[in-house]
Amino acid sequence: QVQLVESGGGLVPAGGSLRLSCTASGRSFSTYDMAWFRQAPGKEREFVARISRSYSITNYADSVKGRFAISRDNAKNTVSLQMNRLKPEDTAVYYCAAGLAGTYNHWGQGTQVTVSS
């Protein structure tokens, strides 16, 4: 079992940057693939980025490719999302998730990101 807590959200102008962090408790963090999802008002939750448990594979949604970067530190039980060149359409609640084989069954409570135009 793993518990996830996100931090780092806030209000930023368009073109700005934010770095989200997710800290995991529990002993098995390094055995999970980690991902970030987001949910904008009135929309379904969508995939943003993923990093494999071995650091070797990262995947991004087309909408954030080239602007966002996911990373993890297994020694510190953290996964981060560096978000650059933010756009108003990036406004959402961002969730950290842990899972395996594309199924994520551990979720954080979410952190709000608001990008002003």
Protein backbone atom coordinates (compact mmCIF):
# COMPACT_ATOMS: atom_id res chain seq x y z
CA GLN A 1 0.00 0.00 0.00
CA VAL A 2 1.18 3.52 -0.77
CA GLN A 3 -0.22 6.92 0.22
CA LEU A 4 0.38 9.92 -2.04
CA VAL A 5 0.43 13.63 -1.20
CA GLU A 6 0.81 16.30 -3.88
CA SER A 7 2.17 19.81 -3.43
CA GLY A 8 3.33 22.74 -5.50
CA GLY A 9 0.15 23.91 -7.16
CA GLY A 10 -0.83 27.55 -7.39
CA LEU A 11 -1.68 30.51 -9.59
CA VAL A 12 0.72 31.40 -12.39
CA PRO A 13 0.47 33.66 -15.47
CA ALA A 14 0.46 32.17 -18.92
CA GLY A 15 3.99 31.37 -20.02
CA GLY A 16 5.14 30.73 -16.48
CA SER A 17 6.36 27.59 -14.76
CA LEU A 18 5.40 25.43 -11.80
CA ARG A 19 6.88 22.31 -10.29
CA LEU A 20 4.54 19.79 -8.71
CA SER A 21 5.79 17.21 -6.27
CA CYS A 22 4.25 14.03 -4.96
CA THR A 23 5.58 12.33 -1.86
CA ALA A 24 4.76 8.71 -1.19
CA SER A 25 4.65 6.91 2.10
CA GLY A 26 5.04 3.17 2.32
CA ARG A 27 7.87 0.82 1.52
CA SER A 28 7.07 -0.10 -2.05
CA PHE A 29 7.36 3.18 -3.97
CA SER A 30 10.12 1.90 -6.26
CA THR A 31 7.94 -0.98 -7.43
CA TYR A 32 5.29 1.30 -8.91
CA ASP A 33 4.99 3.12 -12.17
CA MET A 34 4.08 6.73 -11.35
CA ALA A 35 1.91 9.13 -13.29
CA TRP A 36 0.28 12.51 -13.26
CA PHE A 37 -3.30 13.07 -14.34
CA ARG A 38 -5.40 16.23 -14.37
CA GLN A 39 -9.05 17.14 -14.31
CA ALA A 40 -10.38 20.49 -15.49
CA PRO A 41 -13.81 21.77 -14.44
CA GLY A 42 -16.55 19.96 -16.32
CA LYS A 43 -14.13 17.57 -17.97
CA GLU A 44 -13.03 14.01 -17.38
CA ARG A 45 -9.73 13.18 -15.75
CA GLU A 46 -6.98 12.89 -18.35
CA PHE A 47 -3.49 11.43 -18.49
CA VAL A 48 -0.60 13.90 -18.41
CA ALA A 49 2.66 11.98 -17.94
CA ARG A 50 4.06 8.70 -16.74
CA ILE A 51 7.44 7.39 -15.60
CA SER A 52 8.27 3.74 -15.20
CA ARG A 53 9.55 2.30 -11.95
CA SER A 54 13.00 1.87 -13.49
CA TYR A 55 13.23 5.51 -14.67
CA SER A 56 13.79 4.29 -18.20
CA ILE A 57 10.45 5.02 -19.82
CA THR A 58 8.52 8.27 -19.84
CA ASN A 59 5.33 9.06 -21.73
CA TYR A 60 3.47 12.32 -22.20
CA ALA A 61 0.12 13.47 -23.46
CA ASP A 62 0.49 15.26 -26.79
CA SER A 63 -0.86 18.43 -25.23
CA VAL A 64 2.08 18.73 -22.81
CA LYS A 65 4.91 17.12 -24.78
CA GLY A 66 7.92 19.42 -24.92
CA ARG A 67 6.63 21.61 -22.08
CA PHE A 68 6.31 19.21 -19.12
CA ALA A 69 8.89 16.83 -17.68
CA ILE A 70 8.27 14.03 -15.21
CA SER A 71 10.98 12.71 -12.93
CA ARG A 72 11.29 10.53 -9.85
CA ASP A 73 13.68 9.90 -7.00
CA ASN A 74 13.18 6.44 -5.57
CA ALA A 75 15.55 7.19 -2.68
CA LYS A 76 13.27 10.05 -1.60
CA ASN A 77 9.95 8.45 -2.57
CA THR A 78 9.06 11.42 -4.74
CA VAL A 79 7.83 12.05 -8.24
CA SER A 80 7.80 15.52 -9.76
CA LEU A 81 6.25 17.28 -12.71
CA GLN A 82 8.09 20.31 -14.07
CA MET A 83 5.62 22.39 -16.05
CA ASN A 84 6.96 25.11 -18.36
CA ARG A 85 5.32 27.50 -20.83
CA LEU A 86 2.01 27.03 -19.07
CA LYS A 87 -1.21 27.82 -20.90
CA PRO A 88 -4.66 28.69 -19.55
CA GLU A 89 -5.87 25.31 -20.82
CA ASP A 90 -3.47 23.64 -18.39
CA THR A 91 -5.70 24.86 -15.55
CA ALA A 92 -6.89 21.80 -13.62
CA VAL A 93 -6.55 19.78 -10.47
CA TYR A 94 -3.45 17.65 -10.87
CA TYR A 95 -3.32 14.18 -9.34
CA CYS A 96 -0.41 11.90 -8.63
CA ALA A 97 -1.05 8.19 -9.16
CA ALA A 98 0.77 4.92 -8.59
CA GLY A 99 0.16 1.64 -10.35
CA LEU A 100 1.35 -1.13 -12.62
CA ALA A 101 0.74 -2.15 -16.21
CA GLY A 102 -1.32 0.92 -16.96
CA THR A 103 -3.70 0.50 -14.05
CA TYR A 104 -3.47 3.14 -11.35
CA ASN A 105 -5.15 2.25 -8.09
CA HIS A 106 -3.44 4.64 -5.69
CA TRP A 107 -4.24 8.34 -5.93
CA GLY A 108 -3.38 11.53 -4.14
CA GLN A 109 -5.89 14.18 -3.14
CA GLY A 110 -4.89 16.55 -5.93
CA THR A 111 -3.39 20.02 -6.16
CA GLN A 112 -4.92 22.97 -7.99
CA VAL A 113 -3.04 24.62 -10.86
CA THR A 114 -4.51 27.81 -12.27
CA VAL A 115 -2.98 29.57 -15.27
CA SER A 116 -4.20 33.10 -15.88
CA SER A 117 -4.37 34.56 -19.37
